[in-house]
Amino acid sequence: MGEYAPTIEDEVGSLQEEGDLHLIGRVRDRLLALPLRSLKSANRIERHIHLPGVPELVFGLISFDGAIEVAVDLGIRFGFSRLECGEATRAVLLARGELRAALLFDELLGMAPIKPDEVLTSSQPLTEESVKVGNAKWNGHDVAILDTDTLADNLLKLQR
């Protein structure tokens, strides 16, 4: 397990009662939030295997807690440049239905409870097939909150 490995079990208690717990991370110059209930753990990327002939969104294969997982570059998903792995780069395992994918963040920043009434819906999608639910504030910064169900559906379509 990596040095930063949040799980749902790690964060039960008072934070959970204040709102849905979200993992906040940076992808290029955007802050993104994912509901923690859809995530399993987070690890550093030691190395990866590039796969020829796959969509640009697929960063490659990585070893994640002893299993080989498809790594997805969230930056490409949202129209940014390709990820350059650094010390702070983390893979977060999304497990939703039949999908398992390692979502790549430039940096993980923390966790925060976000109440549904704090989410401001937006008509400004990140992409045509938006996976964005809305925006919220975290430490004074705008954070795009992602819908993991829609994100998982989009990623499953790529695998088929």
N, C-alpha and C. Protein backbone atom coordinates (compact mmCIF):
# COMPACT_ATOMS: atom_id res chain seq x y z
N MET A 1 0.85 -1.17 0.00
CA MET A 1 0.00 0.00 0.00
C MET A 1 0.89 1.23 0.00
N GLY A 2 0.51 2.27 -0.72
CA GLY A 2 1.29 3.49 -0.82
C GLY A 2 1.27 4.29 0.47
N GLU A 3 2.02 5.37 0.48
CA GLU A 3 2.12 6.18 1.69
C GLU A 3 0.83 6.95 1.97
N TYR A 4 -0.02 7.13 0.96
CA TYR A 4 -1.29 7.83 1.13
C TYR A 4 -2.38 6.94 0.58
N ALA A 5 -3.08 6.26 1.46
CA ALA A 5 -4.05 5.29 0.99
C ALA A 5 -5.37 5.45 1.72
N PRO A 6 -6.18 6.44 1.34
CA PRO A 6 -7.45 6.64 2.02
C PRO A 6 -8.44 5.53 1.67
N THR A 7 -9.20 5.12 2.65
CA THR A 7 -10.29 4.18 2.41
C THR A 7 -11.51 4.69 3.14
N ILE A 8 -12.65 4.17 2.79
CA ILE A 8 -13.88 4.59 3.47
C ILE A 8 -13.75 4.33 4.97
N GLU A 9 -13.19 3.18 5.32
CA GLU A 9 -13.09 2.81 6.73
C GLU A 9 -12.22 3.78 7.52
N ASP A 10 -11.26 4.41 6.88
CA ASP A 10 -10.37 5.35 7.57
C ASP A 10 -11.09 6.62 8.02
N GLU A 11 -12.19 6.94 7.36
CA GLU A 11 -12.79 8.24 7.58
C GLU A 11 -14.23 8.21 8.12
N VAL A 12 -14.64 7.12 8.76
CA VAL A 12 -15.97 7.09 9.36
C VAL A 12 -15.98 7.98 10.59
N GLY A 13 -17.18 8.41 10.98
CA GLY A 13 -17.27 9.25 12.16
C GLY A 13 -17.84 10.62 11.85
N SER A 14 -17.33 11.63 12.56
CA SER A 14 -17.91 12.97 12.48
C SER A 14 -17.85 13.56 11.08
N LEU A 15 -16.78 13.33 10.33
CA LEU A 15 -16.72 13.87 8.98
C LEU A 15 -17.83 13.32 8.11
N GLN A 16 -18.10 12.02 8.22
CA GLN A 16 -19.12 11.38 7.40
C GLN A 16 -20.49 11.98 7.70
N GLU A 17 -20.75 12.33 8.94
CA GLU A 17 -22.05 12.87 9.31
C GLU A 17 -22.26 14.28 8.75
N GLU A 18 -21.20 15.00 8.46
CA GLU A 18 -21.30 16.37 7.97
C GLU A 18 -21.59 16.45 6.48
N GLY A 19 -21.44 15.38 5.75
CA GLY A 19 -21.68 15.37 4.31
C GLY A 19 -20.94 14.21 3.68
N ASP A 20 -21.18 13.99 2.39
CA ASP A 20 -20.46 12.92 1.70
C ASP A 20 -18.98 13.27 1.64
N LEU A 21 -18.15 12.34 2.05
CA LEU A 21 -16.71 12.56 2.06
C LEU A 21 -16.18 12.46 0.64
N HIS A 22 -15.38 13.44 0.23
CA HIS A 22 -14.81 13.49 -1.12
C HIS A 22 -13.30 13.57 -1.04
N LEU A 23 -12.65 12.92 -1.99
CA LEU A 23 -11.21 13.03 -2.16
C LEU A 23 -10.96 14.19 -3.10
N ILE A 24 -10.10 15.11 -2.71
CA ILE A 24 -9.78 16.29 -3.51
C ILE A 24 -8.38 16.11 -4.10
N GLY A 25 -8.28 16.32 -5.39
CA GLY A 25 -6.98 16.17 -6.05
C GLY A 25 -6.81 17.19 -7.16
N ARG A 26 -5.57 17.37 -7.57
CA ARG A 26 -5.25 18.30 -8.65
C ARG A 26 -4.93 17.51 -9.91
N VAL A 27 -5.57 17.92 -11.01
CA VAL A 27 -5.26 17.39 -12.34
C VAL A 27 -4.92 18.60 -13.18
N ARG A 28 -3.63 18.73 -13.49
CA ARG A 28 -3.06 19.90 -14.14
C ARG A 28 -3.42 21.13 -13.31
N ASP A 29 -4.21 22.06 -13.83
CA ASP A 29 -4.51 23.25 -13.02
C ASP A 29 -5.93 23.24 -12.46
N ARG A 30 -6.62 22.11 -12.50
CA ARG A 30 -7.98 22.00 -11.98
C ARG A 30 -8.01 21.17 -10.71
N LEU A 31 -8.86 21.56 -9.78
CA LEU A 31 -9.12 20.75 -8.59
C LEU A 31 -10.37 19.94 -8.86
N LEU A 32 -10.29 18.63 -8.60
CA LEU A 32 -11.40 17.72 -8.82
C LEU A 32 -11.71 17.00 -7.52
N ALA A 33 -12.99 16.67 -7.32
CA ALA A 33 -13.42 15.93 -6.14
C ALA A 33 -14.18 14.69 -6.59
N LEU A 34 -13.88 13.56 -5.95
CA LEU A 34 -14.58 12.31 -6.21
C LEU A 34 -15.14 11.79 -4.89
N PRO A 35 -16.39 11.30 -4.90
CA PRO A 35 -16.95 10.73 -3.66
C PRO A 35 -16.09 9.55 -3.19
N LEU A 36 -15.72 9.57 -1.95
CA LEU A 36 -14.84 8.54 -1.40
C LEU A 36 -15.49 7.16 -1.42
N ARG A 37 -16.81 7.10 -1.39
CA ARG A 37 -17.49 5.80 -1.35
C ARG A 37 -17.23 4.96 -2.60
N SER A 38 -16.81 5.59 -3.70
CA SER A 38 -16.53 4.86 -4.94
C SER A 38 -15.07 4.49 -5.10
N LEU A 39 -14.24 4.92 -4.16
CA LEU A 39 -12.79 4.73 -4.28
C LEU A 39 -12.32 3.69 -3.27
N LYS A 40 -11.29 2.95 -3.66
CA LYS A 40 -10.77 1.90 -2.78
C LYS A 40 -9.50 2.31 -2.06
N SER A 41 -8.51 2.83 -2.79
CA SER A 41 -7.26 3.25 -2.16
C SER A 41 -6.47 4.09 -3.15
N ALA A 42 -5.37 4.63 -2.68
CA ALA A 42 -4.51 5.46 -3.52
C ALA A 42 -3.06 5.03 -3.33
N ASN A 43 -2.31 5.01 -4.43
CA ASN A 43 -0.91 4.59 -4.39
C ASN A 43 -0.05 5.48 -5.27
N ARG A 44 1.24 5.48 -4.99
CA ARG A 44 2.22 6.09 -5.89
C ARG A 44 2.34 5.21 -7.12
N ILE A 45 2.77 5.81 -8.21
CA ILE A 45 3.01 5.04 -9.43
C ILE A 45 4.51 4.74 -9.47
N GLU A 46 4.84 3.48 -9.31
CA GLU A 46 6.24 3.08 -9.34
C GLU A 46 6.73 3.02 -10.79
N ARG A 47 5.95 2.39 -11.64
CA ARG A 47 6.24 2.31 -13.07
C ARG A 47 4.97 1.89 -13.79
N HIS A 48 4.98 2.07 -15.09
CA HIS A 48 3.80 1.70 -15.87
C HIS A 48 4.24 1.08 -17.19
N ILE A 49 3.31 0.37 -17.80
CA ILE A 49 3.55 -0.24 -19.11
C ILE A 49 2.65 0.47 -20.10
N HIS A 50 3.25 1.08 -21.10
CA HIS A 50 2.48 1.74 -22.16
C HIS A 50 1.87 0.68 -23.06
N LEU A 51 0.62 0.90 -23.47
CA LEU A 51 -0.07 -0.02 -24.37
C LEU A 51 -0.28 0.65 -25.72
N PRO A 52 0.30 0.11 -26.77
CA PRO A 52 0.09 0.70 -28.09
C PRO A 52 -1.34 0.43 -28.59
N GLY A 53 -1.87 1.38 -29.35
CA GLY A 53 -3.18 1.19 -29.98
C GLY A 53 -4.38 1.40 -29.08
N VAL A 54 -4.18 1.96 -27.90
CA VAL A 54 -5.31 2.23 -27.01
C VAL A 54 -5.63 3.72 -27.06
N PRO A 55 -6.83 4.12 -26.65
CA PRO A 55 -7.14 5.55 -26.63
C PRO A 55 -6.12 6.33 -25.79
N GLU A 56 -5.88 7.58 -26.16
CA GLU A 56 -4.90 8.42 -25.47
C GLU A 56 -5.19 8.54 -23.98
N LEU A 57 -6.44 8.47 -23.62
CA LEU A 57 -6.90 8.53 -22.24
C LEU A 57 -6.26 7.44 -21.37
N VAL A 58 -5.96 6.29 -21.97
CA VAL A 58 -5.36 5.18 -21.23
C VAL A 58 -3.86 5.44 -21.11
N PHE A 59 -3.41 5.67 -19.89
CA PHE A 59 -2.01 5.95 -19.61
C PHE A 59 -1.16 4.69 -19.76
N GLY A 60 -1.75 3.55 -19.38
CA GLY A 60 -1.06 2.27 -19.46
C GLY A 60 -1.53 1.33 -18.38
N LEU A 61 -0.74 0.33 -18.09
CA LEU A 61 -1.03 -0.62 -17.02
C LEU A 61 -0.09 -0.34 -15.85
N ILE A 62 -0.65 -0.44 -14.63
CA ILE A 62 0.17 -0.27 -13.44
C ILE A 62 -0.15 -1.39 -12.45
N SER A 63 0.79 -1.65 -11.59
CA SER A 63 0.56 -2.60 -10.50
C SER A 63 -0.06 -1.81 -9.35
N PHE A 64 -1.19 -2.31 -8.86
CA PHE A 64 -1.92 -1.61 -7.82
C PHE A 64 -2.35 -2.62 -6.76
N ASP A 65 -1.75 -2.57 -5.62
CA ASP A 65 -2.04 -3.51 -4.53
C ASP A 65 -1.99 -4.96 -5.00
N GLY A 66 -0.99 -5.29 -5.82
CA GLY A 66 -0.79 -6.66 -6.26
C GLY A 66 -1.58 -7.07 -7.49
N ALA A 67 -2.41 -6.19 -8.02
CA ALA A 67 -3.19 -6.48 -9.23
C ALA A 67 -2.75 -5.54 -10.34
N ILE A 68 -2.93 -5.96 -11.57
CA ILE A 68 -2.64 -5.11 -12.72
C ILE A 68 -3.92 -4.36 -13.07
N GLU A 69 -3.83 -3.03 -13.11
CA GLU A 69 -5.00 -2.18 -13.38
C GLU A 69 -4.72 -1.26 -14.57
N VAL A 70 -5.78 -0.90 -15.27
CA VAL A 70 -5.70 0.09 -16.33
C VAL A 70 -5.62 1.46 -15.67
N ALA A 71 -4.63 2.26 -16.06
CA ALA A 71 -4.47 3.61 -15.51
C ALA A 71 -5.04 4.62 -16.50
N VAL A 72 -5.90 5.50 -16.01
CA VAL A 72 -6.58 6.49 -16.83
C VAL A 72 -6.07 7.88 -16.49
N ASP A 73 -5.62 8.60 -17.50
CA ASP A 73 -5.14 9.97 -17.32
C ASP A 73 -6.34 10.91 -17.32
N LEU A 74 -6.75 11.35 -16.14
CA LEU A 74 -7.92 12.24 -16.04
C LEU A 74 -7.70 13.54 -16.79
N GLY A 75 -6.48 14.00 -16.88
CA GLY A 75 -6.19 15.23 -17.62
C GLY A 75 -6.62 15.13 -19.07
N ILE A 76 -6.32 14.00 -19.72
CA ILE A 76 -6.74 13.79 -21.10
C ILE A 76 -8.27 13.77 -21.17
N ARG A 77 -8.90 13.14 -20.20
CA ARG A 77 -10.37 13.06 -20.17
C ARG A 77 -11.00 14.45 -20.19
N PHE A 78 -10.30 15.42 -19.59
CA PHE A 78 -10.85 16.77 -19.50
C PHE A 78 -10.15 17.77 -20.41
N GLY A 79 -9.45 17.27 -21.42
CA GLY A 79 -8.89 18.15 -22.44
C GLY A 79 -7.56 18.79 -22.11
N PHE A 80 -6.85 18.29 -21.11
CA PHE A 80 -5.54 18.83 -20.75
C PHE A 80 -4.43 18.03 -21.41
N SER A 81 -3.19 18.46 -21.21
CA SER A 81 -2.04 17.75 -21.75
C SER A 81 -1.82 16.43 -21.03
N ARG A 82 -1.01 15.59 -21.62
CA ARG A 82 -0.70 14.27 -21.05
C ARG A 82 0.07 14.42 -19.73
N LEU A 83 -0.21 13.52 -18.81
CA LEU A 83 0.41 13.52 -17.49
C LEU A 83 1.91 13.22 -17.59
N GLU A 84 2.68 13.98 -16.83
CA GLU A 84 4.09 13.67 -16.63
C GLU A 84 4.22 13.27 -15.17
N CYS A 85 4.49 12.00 -14.93
CA CYS A 85 4.55 11.49 -13.55
C CYS A 85 5.65 12.17 -12.76
N GLY A 86 5.32 12.54 -11.55
CA GLY A 86 6.26 13.14 -10.62
C GLY A 86 6.14 12.51 -9.25
N GLU A 87 6.86 13.06 -8.29
CA GLU A 87 6.82 12.54 -6.92
C GLU A 87 5.42 12.55 -6.32
N ALA A 88 4.63 13.57 -6.66
CA ALA A 88 3.31 13.72 -6.06
C ALA A 88 2.21 12.96 -6.81
N THR A 89 2.50 12.42 -8.00
CA THR A 89 1.49 11.73 -8.80
C THR A 89 0.95 10.52 -8.04
N ARG A 90 -0.37 10.38 -8.05
CA ARG A 90 -1.02 9.26 -7.37
C ARG A 90 -2.06 8.64 -8.28
N ALA A 91 -2.25 7.34 -8.11
CA ALA A 91 -3.31 6.59 -8.77
C ALA A 91 -4.35 6.27 -7.70
N VAL A 92 -5.62 6.53 -8.02
CA VAL A 92 -6.71 6.26 -7.11
C VAL A 92 -7.59 5.20 -7.76
N LEU A 93 -7.83 4.11 -7.05
CA LEU A 93 -8.59 3.00 -7.62
C LEU A 93 -10.09 3.27 -7.51
N LEU A 94 -10.73 3.36 -8.68
CA LEU A 94 -12.18 3.51 -8.77
C LEU A 94 -12.75 2.12 -9.01
N ALA A 95 -13.64 1.69 -8.15
CA ALA A 95 -14.32 0.40 -8.31
C ALA A 95 -15.82 0.68 -8.29
N ARG A 96 -16.44 0.48 -9.44
CA ARG A 96 -17.86 0.81 -9.60
C ARG A 96 -18.47 -0.26 -10.48
N GLY A 97 -19.32 -1.12 -9.91
CA GLY A 97 -19.91 -2.20 -10.69
C GLY A 97 -18.82 -3.09 -11.25
N GLU A 98 -18.84 -3.32 -12.57
CA GLU A 98 -17.83 -4.19 -13.19
C GLU A 98 -16.54 -3.46 -13.55
N LEU A 99 -16.48 -2.17 -13.27
CA LEU A 99 -15.29 -1.39 -13.63
C LEU A 99 -14.30 -1.29 -12.48
N ARG A 100 -13.03 -1.47 -12.81
CA ARG A 100 -11.92 -1.16 -11.92
C ARG A 100 -10.93 -0.39 -12.77
N ALA A 101 -10.60 0.82 -12.36
CA ALA A 101 -9.64 1.64 -13.10
C ALA A 101 -8.88 2.51 -12.12
N ALA A 102 -7.61 2.70 -12.40
CA ALA A 102 -6.76 3.58 -11.59
C ALA A 102 -6.80 4.97 -12.22
N LEU A 103 -7.38 5.93 -11.53
CA LEU A 103 -7.48 7.30 -12.02
C LEU A 103 -6.24 8.07 -11.57
N LEU A 104 -5.59 8.74 -12.51
CA LEU A 104 -4.33 9.41 -12.19
C LEU A 104 -4.54 10.89 -11.86
N PHE A 105 -3.98 11.29 -10.75
CA PHE A 105 -3.99 12.68 -10.29
C PHE A 105 -2.56 13.19 -10.24
N ASP A 106 -2.36 14.45 -10.59
CA ASP A 106 -1.04 15.05 -10.44
C ASP A 106 -0.65 15.09 -8.97
N GLU A 107 -1.67 15.29 -8.12
CA GLU A 107 -1.41 15.41 -6.68
C GLU A 107 -2.73 15.22 -5.94
N LEU A 108 -2.69 14.51 -4.82
CA LEU A 108 -3.85 14.42 -3.93
C LEU A 108 -3.67 15.45 -2.83
N LEU A 109 -4.75 16.19 -2.56
CA LEU A 109 -4.65 17.31 -1.62
C LEU A 109 -5.31 17.07 -0.28
N GLY A 110 -6.32 16.21 -0.24
CA GLY A 110 -6.98 15.95 1.02
C GLY A 110 -8.37 15.39 0.84
N MET A 111 -9.09 15.31 1.95
CA MET A 111 -10.47 14.85 1.94
C MET A 111 -11.33 15.87 2.65
N ALA A 112 -12.56 15.98 2.18
CA ALA A 112 -13.47 16.95 2.80
C ALA A 112 -14.90 16.48 2.64
N PRO A 113 -15.72 16.73 3.67
CA PRO A 113 -17.14 16.44 3.51
C PRO A 113 -17.78 17.53 2.65
N ILE A 114 -18.57 17.13 1.68
CA ILE A 114 -19.29 18.09 0.84
C ILE A 114 -20.76 17.74 0.90
N LYS A 115 -21.55 18.65 1.46
CA LYS A 115 -22.99 18.43 1.57
C LYS A 115 -23.66 18.71 0.23
N PRO A 116 -24.71 17.95 -0.09
CA PRO A 116 -25.41 18.18 -1.36
C PRO A 116 -25.85 19.63 -1.54
N ASP A 117 -26.25 20.31 -0.46
CA ASP A 117 -26.73 21.69 -0.59
C ASP A 117 -25.58 22.69 -0.79
N GLU A 118 -24.32 22.22 -0.69
CA GLU A 118 -23.17 23.09 -0.94
C GLU A 118 -22.70 23.02 -2.40
N VAL A 119 -23.27 22.10 -3.16
CA VAL A 119 -22.86 21.92 -4.55
C VAL A 119 -23.63 22.88 -5.44
N LEU A 120 -22.91 23.69 -6.18
CA LEU A 120 -23.52 24.62 -7.13
C LEU A 120 -23.51 23.96 -8.50
N THR A 121 -24.68 23.70 -9.06
CA THR A 121 -24.72 23.08 -10.38
C THR A 121 -24.23 24.07 -11.41
N SER A 122 -23.70 23.54 -12.48
CA SER A 122 -23.09 24.38 -13.49
C SER A 122 -23.54 23.96 -14.87
N SER A 123 -23.78 24.94 -15.73
CA SER A 123 -24.11 24.63 -17.11
C SER A 123 -22.85 24.60 -17.95
N GLN A 124 -21.69 24.76 -17.33
CA GLN A 124 -20.40 24.75 -18.02
C GLN A 124 -19.78 23.36 -17.90
N PRO A 125 -20.08 22.45 -18.85
CA PRO A 125 -19.50 21.11 -18.74
C PRO A 125 -18.00 21.13 -19.00
N LEU A 126 -17.31 20.16 -18.42
CA LEU A 126 -15.88 20.04 -18.67
C LEU A 126 -15.64 19.47 -20.06
N THR A 127 -16.53 18.64 -20.53
CA THR A 127 -16.45 18.05 -21.86
C THR A 127 -17.87 17.83 -22.36
N GLU A 128 -18.01 17.37 -23.61
CA GLU A 128 -19.34 17.11 -24.16
C GLU A 128 -20.10 16.11 -23.31
N GLU A 129 -19.46 14.99 -22.98
CA GLU A 129 -20.09 13.98 -22.13
C GLU A 129 -19.66 14.27 -20.70
N SER A 130 -20.25 15.28 -20.14
CA SER A 130 -19.78 15.76 -18.85
C SER A 130 -19.99 14.73 -17.75
N VAL A 131 -19.01 14.64 -16.89
CA VAL A 131 -19.12 13.81 -15.70
C VAL A 131 -19.13 14.71 -14.47
N LYS A 132 -19.29 15.99 -14.71
CA LYS A 132 -19.26 16.98 -13.64
C LYS A 132 -20.66 17.17 -13.07
N VAL A 133 -20.78 17.05 -11.75
CA VAL A 133 -22.05 17.29 -11.07
C VAL A 133 -22.23 18.78 -10.81
N GLY A 134 -21.17 19.44 -10.41
CA GLY A 134 -21.23 20.85 -10.08
C GLY A 134 -19.92 21.29 -9.46
N ASN A 135 -19.97 22.43 -8.79
CA ASN A 135 -18.79 22.99 -8.14
C ASN A 135 -19.04 23.17 -6.66
N ALA A 136 -17.97 23.18 -5.90
CA ALA A 136 -18.03 23.50 -4.48
C ALA A 136 -16.76 24.27 -4.15
N LYS A 137 -16.69 24.80 -2.96
CA LYS A 137 -15.50 25.50 -2.48
C LYS A 137 -14.77 24.58 -1.50
N TRP A 138 -13.45 24.57 -1.62
CA TRP A 138 -12.60 23.84 -0.69
C TRP A 138 -11.39 24.71 -0.42
N ASN A 139 -11.21 25.10 0.84
CA ASN A 139 -10.10 25.98 1.23
C ASN A 139 -10.03 27.22 0.35
N GLY A 140 -11.19 27.76 -0.02
CA GLY A 140 -11.25 28.97 -0.82
C GLY A 140 -11.08 28.77 -2.31
N HIS A 141 -10.93 27.53 -2.77
CA HIS A 141 -10.72 27.23 -4.18
C HIS A 141 -11.95 26.54 -4.77
N ASP A 142 -12.21 26.80 -6.06
CA ASP A 142 -13.28 26.10 -6.77
C ASP A 142 -12.85 24.67 -7.04
N VAL A 143 -13.75 23.75 -6.78
CA VAL A 143 -13.50 22.33 -7.01
C VAL A 143 -14.63 21.79 -7.87
N ALA A 144 -14.29 21.09 -8.95
CA ALA A 144 -15.29 20.43 -9.79
C ALA A 144 -15.58 19.07 -9.18
N ILE A 145 -16.85 18.82 -8.89
CA ILE A 145 -17.27 17.55 -8.29
C ILE A 145 -17.70 16.62 -9.42
N LEU A 146 -17.09 15.43 -9.44
CA LEU A 146 -17.35 14.49 -10.52
C LEU A 146 -18.36 13.42 -10.10
N ASP A 147 -19.15 12.99 -11.06
CA ASP A 147 -20.12 11.91 -10.87
C ASP A 147 -19.43 10.60 -11.24
N THR A 148 -19.13 9.78 -10.25
CA THR A 148 -18.37 8.56 -10.52
C THR A 148 -19.18 7.55 -11.32
N ASP A 149 -20.49 7.55 -11.21
CA ASP A 149 -21.31 6.62 -12.01
C ASP A 149 -21.16 6.93 -13.50
N THR A 150 -21.28 8.20 -13.87
CA THR A 150 -21.14 8.59 -15.28
C THR A 150 -19.72 8.38 -15.76
N LEU A 151 -18.74 8.72 -14.93
CA LEU A 151 -17.34 8.50 -15.29
C LEU A 151 -17.10 7.01 -15.53
N ALA A 152 -17.59 6.16 -14.64
CA ALA A 152 -17.42 4.71 -14.79
C ALA A 152 -18.09 4.21 -16.06
N ASP A 153 -19.30 4.70 -16.36
CA ASP A 153 -20.00 4.30 -17.59
C ASP A 153 -19.18 4.66 -18.82
N ASN A 154 -18.64 5.87 -18.85
CA ASN A 154 -17.82 6.31 -19.98
C ASN A 154 -16.56 5.44 -20.13
N LEU A 155 -15.94 5.10 -19.02
CA LEU A 155 -14.73 4.27 -19.08
C LEU A 155 -15.06 2.84 -19.50
N LEU A 156 -16.21 2.33 -19.08
CA LEU A 156 -16.63 0.99 -19.51
C LEU A 156 -16.84 0.93 -21.02
N LYS A 157 -17.39 1.99 -21.59
CA LYS A 157 -17.59 2.04 -23.05
C LYS A 157 -16.26 1.92 -23.78
N LEU A 158 -15.20 2.51 -23.22
CA LEU A 158 -13.87 2.41 -23.82
C LEU A 158 -13.33 0.98 -23.80
N GLN A 159 -13.68 0.24 -22.74
CA GLN A 159 -13.15 -1.11 -22.59
C GLN A 159 -13.83 -2.10 -23.52
N ARG A 160 -14.99 -1.76 -24.04
CA ARG A 160 -15.75 -2.71 -24.86
C ARG A 160 -15.39 -2.62 -26.31
